[in-house]
Amino acid sequence: MSLLSRLSLVALAAACAPACTTAPPPPQPPIPPPPVEAPPAPTGWRAQAARADLDRYARLDAAWTLALDQARRLRGSGDLRAIGELIVPDAQRPAVAPPPGDYRCRTVKLGSRDGDEGLGYVVYGWFACRLEATPHGGLRFVKRTGSQRPVGDLYPEDDRRMVLLGAMALSDDPVAPAYGAAPDRDLIAVLERIGERRWRLVIPWPAAESNLDLIELVPA
């Protein structure tokens, strides 16, 4: 091959090199993270409960612990030893749903919002209460007498517990406000059966005076 031919081949290879080189692949876009699933929407009584009452319910055990500690250490009013399983936190039994009708009820306040300066417990006398069947097959609790009269609807939770969402009527109020209409009157409570024909409503962190209220219910 002549010198001229070899020079021509070299020039051709040099001219082809940039075009004949394989280009690197373009960068791949980053893989997006998997979508975050939204938590399931609340159902039952949780769909209606105010955030403050959901918090009270979540801290029910803490209310029991503090209130019983204060009740045992501080002076009180009434005979706390005579009420038996009413103040035992795990006294609940299965088959919680009570029959509609008239009941006798009494309130026991445990613990003090004033710390060690207040009463550790107060055992009140008997008042009149009622459990009413609602048009939708549920139950409504009404405390009919006394200066503090909680009223509310009961919702099933499990075999040992129903949950009440309601409000408090005070003194001369003709009726209790609707749940949510006056947040300072709202309350949440747990209904439990603690004996044969004996129930209790457990009200954690009530708005005033105590840290846990109990309402004992027995058929009238």
N, C-alpha and C. Protein backbone atom coordinates (compact mmCIF):
# COMPACT_ATOMS: atom_id res chain seq x y z
N MET A 1 0.86 -1.19 0.00
CA MET A 1 0.00 0.00 0.00
C MET A 1 0.89 1.23 0.00
N SER A 2 0.53 2.14 -0.81
CA SER A 2 1.34 3.34 -0.94
C SER A 2 1.18 4.23 0.29
N LEU A 3 2.10 5.12 0.46
CA LEU A 3 2.04 6.08 1.58
C LEU A 3 0.78 6.90 1.50
N LEU A 4 0.39 7.27 0.29
CA LEU A 4 -0.83 8.09 0.14
C LEU A 4 -2.07 7.33 0.59
N SER A 5 -2.11 6.01 0.30
CA SER A 5 -3.27 5.22 0.71
C SER A 5 -3.35 5.09 2.23
N ARG A 6 -2.13 4.86 2.84
CA ARG A 6 -2.14 4.74 4.30
C ARG A 6 -2.58 6.04 4.96
N LEU A 7 -2.14 7.15 4.46
CA LEU A 7 -2.55 8.45 5.03
C LEU A 7 -4.05 8.67 4.86
N SER A 8 -4.59 8.21 3.77
CA SER A 8 -6.04 8.36 3.54
C SER A 8 -6.83 7.54 4.55
N LEU A 9 -6.34 6.29 4.83
CA LEU A 9 -7.05 5.45 5.81
C LEU A 9 -6.98 6.05 7.21
N VAL A 10 -5.83 6.61 7.58
CA VAL A 10 -5.70 7.24 8.90
C VAL A 10 -6.63 8.43 9.02
N ALA A 11 -6.69 9.25 7.98
CA ALA A 11 -7.59 10.41 8.01
C ALA A 11 -9.04 9.98 8.10
N LEU A 12 -9.40 8.91 7.39
CA LEU A 12 -10.79 8.43 7.43
C LEU A 12 -11.15 7.92 8.81
N ALA A 13 -10.18 7.19 9.46
CA ALA A 13 -10.45 6.68 10.81
C ALA A 13 -10.60 7.81 11.81
N ALA A 14 -9.76 8.85 11.65
CA ALA A 14 -9.85 9.98 12.57
C ALA A 14 -11.17 10.71 12.42
N ALA A 15 -11.63 10.81 11.17
CA ALA A 15 -12.91 11.50 10.93
C ALA A 15 -14.09 10.69 11.45
N CYS A 16 -13.94 9.36 11.45
CA CYS A 16 -15.06 8.49 11.87
C CYS A 16 -15.13 8.31 13.37
N ALA A 17 -14.00 8.54 14.06
CA ALA A 17 -13.95 8.21 15.49
C ALA A 17 -15.04 8.85 16.31
N PRO A 18 -15.26 10.17 16.21
CA PRO A 18 -16.31 10.76 17.06
C PRO A 18 -17.69 10.22 16.75
N ALA A 19 -17.93 9.98 15.46
CA ALA A 19 -19.27 9.53 15.08
C ALA A 19 -19.50 8.07 15.39
N CYS A 20 -18.41 7.27 15.35
CA CYS A 20 -18.57 5.83 15.54
C CYS A 20 -18.51 5.39 17.00
N THR A 21 -18.12 6.30 17.92
CA THR A 21 -18.05 5.95 19.34
C THR A 21 -19.46 5.86 19.92
N THR A 22 -19.75 4.81 20.68
CA THR A 22 -21.08 4.62 21.28
C THR A 22 -21.29 5.64 22.40
N ALA A 23 -22.38 6.40 22.32
CA ALA A 23 -22.68 7.42 23.34
C ALA A 23 -23.18 6.75 24.61
N PRO A 24 -22.83 7.27 25.81
CA PRO A 24 -23.34 6.68 27.07
C PRO A 24 -24.86 6.86 27.16
N PRO A 25 -25.55 5.94 27.81
CA PRO A 25 -27.01 6.07 27.95
C PRO A 25 -27.37 7.28 28.81
N PRO A 26 -28.50 7.89 28.53
CA PRO A 26 -28.91 9.05 29.34
C PRO A 26 -29.20 8.62 30.77
N PRO A 27 -28.99 9.50 31.74
CA PRO A 27 -29.27 9.12 33.14
C PRO A 27 -30.75 8.81 33.35
N GLN A 28 -30.99 7.80 34.17
CA GLN A 28 -32.37 7.40 34.46
C GLN A 28 -32.96 8.29 35.56
N PRO A 29 -34.23 8.63 35.41
CA PRO A 29 -34.85 9.44 36.48
C PRO A 29 -34.92 8.64 37.78
N PRO A 30 -34.86 9.31 38.94
CA PRO A 30 -34.95 8.57 40.21
C PRO A 30 -36.29 7.87 40.36
N ILE A 31 -36.26 6.72 41.03
CA ILE A 31 -37.49 5.96 41.28
C ILE A 31 -38.29 6.66 42.37
N PRO A 32 -39.52 7.02 42.08
CA PRO A 32 -40.31 7.72 43.11
C PRO A 32 -40.61 6.80 44.28
N PRO A 33 -40.72 7.36 45.51
CA PRO A 33 -41.06 6.52 46.67
C PRO A 33 -42.49 6.00 46.54
N PRO A 34 -42.79 4.87 47.17
CA PRO A 34 -44.17 4.36 47.11
C PRO A 34 -45.13 5.35 47.76
N PRO A 35 -46.34 5.40 47.26
CA PRO A 35 -47.31 6.35 47.85
C PRO A 35 -47.62 6.01 49.30
N VAL A 36 -47.81 7.04 50.11
CA VAL A 36 -48.15 6.85 51.52
C VAL A 36 -49.65 6.67 51.64
N GLU A 37 -50.02 5.54 52.21
CA GLU A 37 -51.44 5.25 52.36
C GLU A 37 -52.03 6.05 53.51
N ALA A 38 -53.16 6.66 53.26
CA ALA A 38 -53.84 7.41 54.32
C ALA A 38 -54.39 6.44 55.36
N PRO A 39 -54.36 6.82 56.64
CA PRO A 39 -54.94 5.94 57.66
C PRO A 39 -56.43 5.77 57.42
N PRO A 40 -56.97 4.63 57.82
CA PRO A 40 -58.40 4.42 57.60
C PRO A 40 -59.23 5.46 58.37
N ALA A 41 -60.33 5.84 57.79
CA ALA A 41 -61.21 6.82 58.43
C ALA A 41 -61.83 6.21 59.67
N PRO A 42 -61.96 6.99 60.76
CA PRO A 42 -62.58 6.44 61.97
C PRO A 42 -64.04 6.08 61.73
N THR A 43 -64.50 5.10 62.46
CA THR A 43 -65.89 4.65 62.35
C THR A 43 -66.51 4.61 63.74
N GLY A 44 -67.83 4.36 63.79
CA GLY A 44 -68.52 4.26 65.07
C GLY A 44 -68.44 5.55 65.86
N TRP A 45 -68.32 5.42 67.18
CA TRP A 45 -68.29 6.61 68.03
C TRP A 45 -67.06 7.46 67.78
N ARG A 46 -65.97 6.86 67.32
CA ARG A 46 -64.75 7.63 67.06
C ARG A 46 -64.94 8.65 65.95
N ALA A 47 -65.85 8.36 65.01
CA ALA A 47 -66.11 9.30 63.93
C ALA A 47 -66.82 10.55 64.42
N GLN A 48 -67.43 10.48 65.60
CA GLN A 48 -68.19 11.61 66.13
C GLN A 48 -67.50 12.30 67.29
N ALA A 49 -66.52 11.63 67.89
CA ALA A 49 -65.91 12.16 69.11
C ALA A 49 -65.00 13.34 68.81
N ALA A 50 -65.03 14.33 69.70
CA ALA A 50 -64.10 15.46 69.61
C ALA A 50 -62.69 14.99 69.96
N ARG A 51 -61.70 15.72 69.46
CA ARG A 51 -60.31 15.35 69.71
C ARG A 51 -60.01 15.29 71.20
N ALA A 52 -60.56 16.23 71.96
CA ALA A 52 -60.30 16.24 73.41
C ALA A 52 -60.83 14.98 74.07
N ASP A 53 -61.97 14.48 73.61
CA ASP A 53 -62.54 13.27 74.21
C ASP A 53 -61.80 12.02 73.75
N LEU A 54 -61.31 12.00 72.53
CA LEU A 54 -60.45 10.89 72.12
C LEU A 54 -59.20 10.83 72.99
N ASP A 55 -58.67 12.00 73.35
CA ASP A 55 -57.50 12.05 74.23
C ASP A 55 -57.86 11.56 75.63
N ARG A 56 -59.00 11.97 76.15
CA ARG A 56 -59.42 11.50 77.48
C ARG A 56 -59.56 9.97 77.49
N TYR A 57 -60.15 9.45 76.44
CA TYR A 57 -60.34 8.00 76.35
C TYR A 57 -58.99 7.29 76.30
N ALA A 58 -58.06 7.82 75.52
CA ALA A 58 -56.74 7.21 75.40
C ALA A 58 -56.00 7.21 76.74
N ARG A 59 -56.31 8.17 77.61
CA ARG A 59 -55.61 8.28 78.91
C ARG A 59 -56.47 7.79 80.06
N LEU A 60 -57.39 6.86 79.77
CA LEU A 60 -58.28 6.33 80.80
C LEU A 60 -57.49 5.63 81.91
N ASP A 61 -56.53 4.80 81.55
CA ASP A 61 -55.74 4.10 82.58
C ASP A 61 -54.98 5.08 83.47
N ALA A 62 -54.47 6.14 82.88
CA ALA A 62 -53.76 7.15 83.68
C ALA A 62 -54.70 7.83 84.66
N ALA A 63 -55.94 8.06 84.24
CA ALA A 63 -56.92 8.67 85.16
C ALA A 63 -57.20 7.74 86.34
N TRP A 64 -57.37 6.45 86.08
CA TRP A 64 -57.57 5.48 87.16
C TRP A 64 -56.38 5.53 88.14
N THR A 65 -55.17 5.48 87.60
CA THR A 65 -53.98 5.40 88.45
C THR A 65 -53.86 6.63 89.36
N LEU A 66 -53.97 7.81 88.79
CA LEU A 66 -53.84 9.02 89.58
C LEU A 66 -54.97 9.16 90.59
N ALA A 67 -56.21 8.92 90.14
CA ALA A 67 -57.36 9.11 91.01
C ALA A 67 -57.34 8.15 92.20
N LEU A 68 -57.00 6.89 91.97
CA LEU A 68 -56.95 5.94 93.07
C LEU A 68 -55.81 6.25 94.03
N ASP A 69 -54.69 6.70 93.51
CA ASP A 69 -53.58 7.08 94.39
C ASP A 69 -54.00 8.22 95.31
N GLN A 70 -54.65 9.23 94.76
CA GLN A 70 -55.10 10.35 95.60
C GLN A 70 -56.19 9.91 96.58
N ALA A 71 -57.09 9.04 96.12
CA ALA A 71 -58.17 8.58 97.00
C ALA A 71 -57.63 7.82 98.21
N ARG A 72 -56.55 7.09 98.02
CA ARG A 72 -55.98 6.30 99.11
C ARG A 72 -55.15 7.15 100.06
N ARG A 73 -54.59 8.26 99.57
CA ARG A 73 -53.70 9.07 100.39
C ARG A 73 -54.40 10.24 101.09
N LEU A 74 -55.44 10.78 100.47
CA LEU A 74 -56.04 12.01 100.95
C LEU A 74 -57.32 11.74 101.72
N ARG A 75 -57.69 12.69 102.53
CA ARG A 75 -58.97 12.59 103.23
C ARG A 75 -60.10 12.70 102.22
N GLY A 76 -61.26 12.13 102.59
CA GLY A 76 -62.39 12.16 101.67
C GLY A 76 -63.70 12.28 102.41
N SER A 77 -64.77 12.14 101.65
CA SER A 77 -66.12 12.24 102.21
C SER A 77 -66.92 11.01 101.80
N GLY A 78 -67.44 10.28 102.79
CA GLY A 78 -68.20 9.07 102.52
C GLY A 78 -67.40 7.82 102.81
N ASP A 79 -68.05 6.67 102.64
CA ASP A 79 -67.43 5.38 102.96
C ASP A 79 -66.95 4.72 101.67
N LEU A 80 -65.68 4.89 101.36
CA LEU A 80 -65.13 4.34 100.13
C LEU A 80 -65.02 2.82 100.19
N ARG A 81 -64.83 2.26 101.38
CA ARG A 81 -64.65 0.82 101.50
C ARG A 81 -65.94 0.06 101.26
N ALA A 82 -67.08 0.73 101.39
CA ALA A 82 -68.36 0.04 101.27
C ALA A 82 -68.82 -0.17 99.84
N ILE A 83 -68.11 0.40 98.86
CA ILE A 83 -68.61 0.34 97.49
C ILE A 83 -67.95 -0.76 96.67
N GLY A 84 -67.05 -1.52 97.27
CA GLY A 84 -66.55 -2.74 96.67
C GLY A 84 -65.94 -2.58 95.29
N GLU A 85 -66.41 -3.41 94.34
CA GLU A 85 -65.79 -3.48 93.01
C GLU A 85 -66.03 -2.23 92.17
N LEU A 86 -66.83 -1.33 92.65
CA LEU A 86 -67.06 -0.11 91.89
C LEU A 86 -65.76 0.62 91.61
N ILE A 87 -64.78 0.54 92.49
CA ILE A 87 -63.52 1.26 92.31
C ILE A 87 -62.36 0.31 91.95
N VAL A 88 -62.68 -0.86 91.45
CA VAL A 88 -61.66 -1.80 90.96
C VAL A 88 -61.55 -1.63 89.45
N PRO A 89 -60.41 -1.18 88.92
CA PRO A 89 -60.34 -0.86 87.49
C PRO A 89 -60.70 -2.01 86.56
N ASP A 90 -60.28 -3.25 86.88
CA ASP A 90 -60.51 -4.37 85.97
C ASP A 90 -61.68 -5.25 86.41
N ALA A 91 -62.69 -4.66 87.02
CA ALA A 91 -63.84 -5.43 87.50
C ALA A 91 -64.86 -5.71 86.41
N GLN A 92 -64.66 -5.21 85.19
CA GLN A 92 -65.68 -5.36 84.16
C GLN A 92 -65.89 -6.82 83.77
N ARG A 93 -67.14 -7.14 83.39
CA ARG A 93 -67.53 -8.50 83.01
C ARG A 93 -68.12 -8.47 81.60
N PRO A 94 -68.21 -9.65 80.95
CA PRO A 94 -68.81 -9.66 79.61
C PRO A 94 -70.31 -9.43 79.65
N ALA A 95 -70.89 -9.34 78.46
CA ALA A 95 -72.33 -9.07 78.30
C ALA A 95 -72.68 -7.73 78.94
N VAL A 96 -72.08 -6.67 78.42
CA VAL A 96 -72.18 -5.37 79.08
C VAL A 96 -73.54 -4.71 78.91
N ALA A 97 -74.23 -4.91 77.80
CA ALA A 97 -75.41 -4.10 77.47
C ALA A 97 -76.51 -4.25 78.52
N PRO A 98 -76.91 -3.14 79.16
CA PRO A 98 -77.99 -3.20 80.17
C PRO A 98 -79.35 -3.06 79.50
N PRO A 99 -80.40 -3.50 80.17
CA PRO A 99 -81.74 -3.31 79.62
C PRO A 99 -82.21 -1.87 79.82
N PRO A 100 -83.04 -1.35 78.92
CA PRO A 100 -83.63 -0.03 79.15
C PRO A 100 -84.51 -0.04 80.39
N GLY A 101 -84.67 1.13 80.99
CA GLY A 101 -85.53 1.24 82.15
C GLY A 101 -85.02 2.27 83.14
N ASP A 102 -85.68 2.32 84.30
CA ASP A 102 -85.30 3.24 85.36
C ASP A 102 -84.23 2.61 86.25
N TYR A 103 -83.30 3.43 86.70
CA TYR A 103 -82.19 2.97 87.53
C TYR A 103 -82.00 3.92 88.71
N ARG A 104 -81.46 3.36 89.79
CA ARG A 104 -80.90 4.20 90.84
C ARG A 104 -79.42 4.40 90.50
N CYS A 105 -78.92 5.59 90.75
CA CYS A 105 -77.52 5.85 90.42
C CYS A 105 -76.89 6.73 91.49
N ARG A 106 -75.61 6.52 91.71
CA ARG A 106 -74.87 7.39 92.62
C ARG A 106 -73.50 7.65 92.03
N THR A 107 -72.99 8.83 92.33
CA THR A 107 -71.71 9.27 91.80
C THR A 107 -70.63 9.17 92.86
N VAL A 108 -69.48 8.67 92.45
CA VAL A 108 -68.29 8.66 93.30
C VAL A 108 -67.20 9.41 92.54
N LYS A 109 -66.69 10.47 93.16
CA LYS A 109 -65.61 11.25 92.56
C LYS A 109 -64.29 10.83 93.20
N LEU A 110 -63.32 10.53 92.34
CA LEU A 110 -62.01 10.08 92.81
C LEU A 110 -60.93 11.06 92.35
N GLY A 111 -60.01 11.36 93.26
CA GLY A 111 -58.91 12.26 92.92
C GLY A 111 -59.32 13.72 93.04
N SER A 112 -58.32 14.58 92.97
CA SER A 112 -58.55 16.01 93.17
C SER A 112 -57.79 16.82 92.15
N ARG A 113 -58.48 17.75 91.48
CA ARG A 113 -57.81 18.68 90.58
C ARG A 113 -56.93 19.67 91.34
N ASP A 114 -57.15 19.80 92.64
CA ASP A 114 -56.37 20.72 93.46
C ASP A 114 -55.15 20.03 94.09
N GLY A 115 -54.80 18.86 93.58
CA GLY A 115 -53.66 18.16 94.14
C GLY A 115 -53.94 17.70 95.56
N ASP A 116 -52.92 17.72 96.40
CA ASP A 116 -53.07 17.23 97.77
C ASP A 116 -53.87 18.16 98.66
N GLU A 117 -54.26 19.31 98.14
CA GLU A 117 -55.05 20.25 98.94
C GLU A 117 -56.54 19.90 98.92
N GLY A 118 -56.98 19.10 97.95
CA GLY A 118 -58.41 18.81 97.82
C GLY A 118 -58.78 17.48 98.44
N LEU A 119 -60.05 17.12 98.30
CA LEU A 119 -60.54 15.84 98.78
C LEU A 119 -60.11 14.73 97.83
N GLY A 120 -59.70 13.61 98.40
CA GLY A 120 -59.29 12.48 97.58
C GLY A 120 -60.45 11.71 96.99
N TYR A 121 -61.61 11.80 97.62
CA TYR A 121 -62.81 11.12 97.11
C TYR A 121 -64.05 11.72 97.74
N VAL A 122 -65.16 11.58 97.03
CA VAL A 122 -66.46 11.96 97.56
C VAL A 122 -67.47 10.91 97.10
N VAL A 123 -68.18 10.32 98.04
CA VAL A 123 -69.23 9.34 97.73
C VAL A 123 -70.58 10.02 97.96
N TYR A 124 -71.36 10.18 96.90
CA TYR A 124 -72.65 10.85 96.99
C TYR A 124 -73.77 9.84 97.23
N GLY A 125 -74.94 10.37 97.54
CA GLY A 125 -76.12 9.53 97.73
C GLY A 125 -76.75 9.14 96.40
N TRP A 126 -77.90 8.50 96.48
CA TRP A 126 -78.56 7.95 95.29
C TRP A 126 -79.45 8.98 94.62
N PHE A 127 -79.46 8.93 93.29
CA PHE A 127 -80.30 9.78 92.47
C PHE A 127 -81.07 8.90 91.47
N ALA A 128 -81.83 9.55 90.60
CA ALA A 128 -82.61 8.83 89.59
C ALA A 128 -81.95 8.94 88.22
N CYS A 129 -81.80 7.80 87.56
CA CYS A 129 -81.26 7.76 86.21
C CYS A 129 -82.17 6.91 85.34
N ARG A 130 -81.94 6.98 84.05
CA ARG A 130 -82.75 6.19 83.12
C ARG A 130 -81.92 5.83 81.90
N LEU A 131 -82.15 4.63 81.39
CA LEU A 131 -81.60 4.19 80.11
C LEU A 131 -82.77 4.06 79.13
N GLU A 132 -82.72 4.84 78.07
CA GLU A 132 -83.82 4.89 77.11
C GLU A 132 -83.40 4.26 75.79
N ALA A 133 -84.30 3.46 75.22
CA ALA A 133 -84.05 2.91 73.88
C ALA A 133 -84.24 4.02 72.85
N THR A 134 -83.30 4.14 71.92
CA THR A 134 -83.39 5.15 70.88
C THR A 134 -84.09 4.58 69.66
N PRO A 135 -84.58 5.44 68.74
CA PRO A 135 -85.27 4.95 67.55
C PRO A 135 -84.41 4.06 66.66
N HIS A 136 -83.09 4.17 66.78
CA HIS A 136 -82.19 3.39 65.92
C HIS A 136 -81.66 2.14 66.62
N GLY A 137 -82.30 1.75 67.73
CA GLY A 137 -81.91 0.53 68.41
C GLY A 137 -80.78 0.69 69.39
N GLY A 138 -80.38 1.91 69.70
CA GLY A 138 -79.31 2.15 70.65
C GLY A 138 -79.84 2.45 72.04
N LEU A 139 -78.98 2.98 72.89
CA LEU A 139 -79.33 3.33 74.26
C LEU A 139 -78.88 4.75 74.55
N ARG A 140 -79.68 5.45 75.34
CA ARG A 140 -79.34 6.81 75.78
C ARG A 140 -79.42 6.85 77.29
N PHE A 141 -78.36 7.37 77.91
CA PHE A 141 -78.30 7.50 79.36
C PHE A 141 -78.73 8.91 79.77
N VAL A 142 -79.58 8.97 80.80
CA VAL A 142 -80.05 10.26 81.31
C VAL A 142 -80.01 10.21 82.84
N LYS A 143 -79.22 11.08 83.45
CA LYS A 143 -79.29 11.27 84.90
C LYS A 143 -80.34 12.34 85.15
N ARG A 144 -81.39 11.98 85.88
CA ARG A 144 -82.59 12.82 85.94
C ARG A 144 -82.59 13.80 87.10
N THR A 145 -81.86 13.51 88.15
CA THR A 145 -81.86 14.39 89.32
C THR A 145 -80.43 14.66 89.76
N GLY A 146 -80.26 15.73 90.56
CA GLY A 146 -78.95 16.12 91.03
C GLY A 146 -78.48 17.40 90.35
N SER A 147 -77.43 18.01 90.88
CA SER A 147 -76.94 19.27 90.33
C SER A 147 -76.02 19.07 89.12
N GLN A 148 -75.49 17.86 88.95
CA GLN A 148 -74.70 17.52 87.76
C GLN A 148 -75.36 16.33 87.10
N ARG A 149 -75.86 16.54 85.87
CA ARG A 149 -76.68 15.51 85.23
C ARG A 149 -76.15 15.20 83.83
N PRO A 150 -75.27 14.22 83.72
CA PRO A 150 -74.78 13.84 82.39
C PRO A 150 -75.87 13.15 81.57
N VAL A 151 -75.84 13.41 80.28
CA VAL A 151 -76.76 12.80 79.32
C VAL A 151 -75.95 12.44 78.09
N GLY A 152 -76.20 11.26 77.51
CA GLY A 152 -75.46 10.92 76.30
C GLY A 152 -75.88 9.60 75.70
N ASP A 153 -75.46 9.40 74.47
CA ASP A 153 -75.75 8.17 73.73
C ASP A 153 -74.64 7.16 73.92
N LEU A 154 -75.03 5.88 73.99
CA LEU A 154 -74.10 4.79 74.20
C LEU A 154 -73.84 4.07 72.88
N TYR A 155 -72.56 3.75 72.63
CA TYR A 155 -72.15 3.07 71.42
C TYR A 155 -71.41 1.79 71.78
N PRO A 156 -71.63 0.71 71.04
CA PRO A 156 -70.90 -0.54 71.34
C PRO A 156 -69.42 -0.39 71.06
N GLU A 157 -68.59 -0.97 71.92
CA GLU A 157 -67.15 -1.01 71.73
C GLU A 157 -66.67 -2.46 71.65
N ASP A 158 -66.96 -3.26 72.67
CA ASP A 158 -66.69 -4.69 72.64
C ASP A 158 -67.62 -5.35 73.64
N ASP A 159 -67.36 -6.62 73.94
CA ASP A 159 -68.28 -7.36 74.81
C ASP A 159 -68.28 -6.86 76.25
N ARG A 160 -67.26 -6.12 76.65
CA ARG A 160 -67.14 -5.65 78.03
C ARG A 160 -67.27 -4.14 78.18
N ARG A 161 -67.50 -3.43 77.07
CA ARG A 161 -67.44 -1.98 77.15
C ARG A 161 -68.36 -1.33 76.12
N MET A 162 -69.08 -0.30 76.56
CA MET A 162 -69.77 0.61 75.68
C MET A 162 -69.22 2.01 75.95
N VAL A 163 -69.29 2.87 74.96
CA VAL A 163 -68.75 4.22 75.10
C VAL A 163 -69.88 5.23 74.99
N LEU A 164 -69.90 6.17 75.93
CA LEU A 164 -70.90 7.23 75.95
C LEU A 164 -70.28 8.54 75.50
N LEU A 165 -70.93 9.19 74.57
CA LEU A 165 -70.60 10.57 74.21
C LEU A 165 -71.78 11.43 74.62
N GLY A 166 -71.51 12.44 75.45
CA GLY A 166 -72.61 13.24 75.95
C GLY A 166 -72.15 14.58 76.46
N ALA A 167 -73.00 15.17 77.27
CA ALA A 167 -72.73 16.49 77.82
C ALA A 167 -73.35 16.57 79.21
N MET A 168 -72.95 17.60 79.95
CA MET A 168 -73.39 17.77 81.33
C MET A 168 -74.39 18.91 81.45
N ALA A 169 -75.53 18.61 82.08
CA ALA A 169 -76.47 19.65 82.49
C ALA A 169 -76.14 20.02 83.94
N LEU A 170 -76.14 21.32 84.24
CA LEU A 170 -75.77 21.81 85.57
C LEU A 170 -76.94 22.55 86.21
N SER A 171 -77.11 22.33 87.50
CA SER A 171 -78.06 23.10 88.33
C SER A 171 -79.43 23.19 87.67
N ASP A 172 -79.81 24.42 87.26
CA ASP A 172 -81.16 24.65 86.75
C ASP A 172 -81.26 24.53 85.23
N ASP A 173 -80.24 24.01 84.56
CA ASP A 173 -80.36 23.82 83.11
C ASP A 173 -81.56 22.92 82.82
N PRO A 174 -82.45 23.34 81.91
CA PRO A 174 -83.59 22.47 81.59
C PRO A 174 -83.16 21.19 80.91
N VAL A 175 -82.16 21.26 80.03
CA VAL A 175 -81.62 20.09 79.36
C VAL A 175 -80.12 20.27 79.19
N ALA A 176 -79.44 19.18 78.93
CA ALA A 176 -78.00 19.26 78.64
C ALA A 176 -77.81 19.73 77.20
N PRO A 177 -76.74 20.47 76.92
CA PRO A 177 -76.47 20.86 75.53
C PRO A 177 -76.18 19.63 74.68
N ALA A 178 -76.41 19.75 73.39
CA ALA A 178 -76.06 18.66 72.48
C ALA A 178 -74.56 18.46 72.48
N TYR A 179 -74.13 17.22 72.26
CA TYR A 179 -72.71 16.94 72.24
C TYR A 179 -72.04 17.78 71.16
N GLY A 180 -70.98 18.48 71.54
CA GLY A 180 -70.24 19.32 70.62
C GLY A 180 -70.69 20.76 70.59
N ALA A 181 -71.89 21.05 71.13
CA ALA A 181 -72.39 22.43 71.09
C ALA A 181 -71.70 23.31 72.13
N ALA A 182 -71.29 22.73 73.24
CA ALA A 182 -70.59 23.46 74.31
C ALA A 182 -69.43 22.59 74.77
N PRO A 183 -68.25 22.71 74.15
CA PRO A 183 -67.14 21.80 74.44
C PRO A 183 -66.77 21.70 75.91
N ASP A 184 -66.96 22.76 76.69
CA ASP A 184 -66.63 22.69 78.11
C ASP A 184 -67.61 21.81 78.89
N ARG A 185 -68.73 21.45 78.28
CA ARG A 185 -69.69 20.54 78.92
C ARG A 185 -69.59 19.11 78.36
N ASP A 186 -68.85 18.92 77.29
CA ASP A 186 -68.75 17.59 76.68
C ASP A 186 -68.09 16.60 77.64
N LEU A 187 -68.45 15.34 77.49
CA LEU A 187 -67.79 14.29 78.26
C LEU A 187 -67.81 12.99 77.48
N ILE A 188 -66.87 12.14 77.82
CA ILE A 188 -66.83 10.78 77.31
C ILE A 188 -66.80 9.85 78.51
N ALA A 189 -67.49 8.72 78.41
CA ALA A 189 -67.54 7.78 79.52
C ALA A 189 -67.54 6.36 78.97
N VAL A 190 -67.16 5.43 79.82
CA VAL A 190 -67.16 4.01 79.49
C VAL A 190 -68.16 3.31 80.38
N LEU A 191 -69.09 2.57 79.77
CA LEU A 191 -70.05 1.78 80.53
C LEU A 191 -69.54 0.35 80.66
N GLU A 192 -69.53 -0.17 81.89
CA GLU A 192 -69.08 -1.53 82.16
C GLU A 192 -70.04 -2.22 83.11
N ARG A 193 -70.20 -3.52 82.93
CA ARG A 193 -70.98 -4.31 83.90
C ARG A 193 -70.01 -4.86 84.93
N ILE A 194 -70.32 -4.66 86.22
CA ILE A 194 -69.40 -5.07 87.28
C ILE A 194 -70.04 -6.07 88.24
N GLY A 195 -71.22 -6.56 87.93
CA GLY A 195 -71.89 -7.52 88.80
C GLY A 195 -73.23 -7.90 88.21
N GLU A 196 -73.94 -8.77 88.92
CA GLU A 196 -75.29 -9.11 88.49
C GLU A 196 -76.19 -7.89 88.69
N ARG A 197 -76.71 -7.39 87.58
CA ARG A 197 -77.59 -6.22 87.62
C ARG A 197 -76.90 -5.01 88.28
N ARG A 198 -75.63 -4.83 87.94
CA ARG A 198 -74.87 -3.70 88.47
C ARG A 198 -73.90 -3.21 87.38
N TRP A 199 -73.95 -1.92 87.09
CA TRP A 199 -73.12 -1.33 86.05
C TRP A 199 -72.44 -0.06 86.61
N ARG A 200 -71.47 0.43 85.85
CA ARG A 200 -70.86 1.70 86.20
C ARG A 200 -70.50 2.46 84.92
N LEU A 201 -70.60 3.76 85.00
CA LEU A 201 -70.06 4.66 84.00
C LEU A 201 -68.76 5.23 84.54
N VAL A 202 -67.71 5.13 83.76
CA VAL A 202 -66.40 5.65 84.15
C VAL A 202 -66.11 6.88 83.30
N ILE A 203 -65.97 8.03 83.94
CA ILE A 203 -65.77 9.31 83.24
C ILE A 203 -64.35 9.79 83.54
N PRO A 204 -63.41 9.66 82.58
CA PRO A 204 -62.03 10.10 82.84
C PRO A 204 -61.87 11.59 82.62
N TRP A 205 -61.10 12.22 83.47
CA TRP A 205 -60.72 13.62 83.35
C TRP A 205 -61.94 14.54 83.16
N PRO A 206 -62.89 14.51 84.11
CA PRO A 206 -64.03 15.43 84.01
C PRO A 206 -63.58 16.88 84.08
N ALA A 207 -64.48 17.78 83.71
CA ALA A 207 -64.11 19.19 83.54
C ALA A 207 -63.74 19.86 84.86
N ALA A 208 -64.23 19.37 85.98
CA ALA A 208 -63.98 20.06 87.24
C ALA A 208 -63.89 19.06 88.39
N GLU A 209 -63.23 19.48 89.45
CA GLU A 209 -63.20 18.85 90.77
C GLU A 209 -62.33 17.61 90.84
N SER A 210 -62.66 16.55 90.11
CA SER A 210 -62.01 15.25 90.29
C SER A 210 -61.21 14.87 89.05
N ASN A 211 -60.51 13.74 89.14
CA ASN A 211 -59.78 13.20 88.00
C ASN A 211 -60.46 12.00 87.38
N LEU A 212 -61.41 11.41 88.10
CA LEU A 212 -62.19 10.29 87.58
C LEU A 212 -63.53 10.27 88.31
N ASP A 213 -64.61 10.22 87.55
CA ASP A 213 -65.93 10.09 88.13
C ASP A 213 -66.50 8.72 87.81
N LEU A 214 -67.17 8.12 88.77
CA LEU A 214 -67.87 6.85 88.59
C LEU A 214 -69.34 7.07 88.88
N ILE A 215 -70.19 6.55 88.02
CA ILE A 215 -71.63 6.55 88.27
C ILE A 215 -72.09 5.10 88.34
N GLU A 216 -72.49 4.67 89.53
CA GLU A 216 -73.00 3.30 89.72
C GLU A 216 -74.46 3.25 89.30
N LEU A 217 -74.84 2.17 88.62
CA LEU A 217 -76.21 1.98 88.15
C LEU A 217 -76.74 0.64 88.61
N VAL A 218 -77.90 0.66 89.26
CA VAL A 218 -78.62 -0.56 89.59
C VAL A 218 -80.09 -0.34 89.26
N PRO A 219 -80.78 -1.37 88.77
CA PRO A 219 -82.19 -1.17 88.42
C PRO A 219 -83.00 -0.65 89.60
N ALA A 220 -83.91 0.26 89.31
CA ALA A 220 -84.73 0.86 90.36
C ALA A 220 -85.77 -0.14 90.84
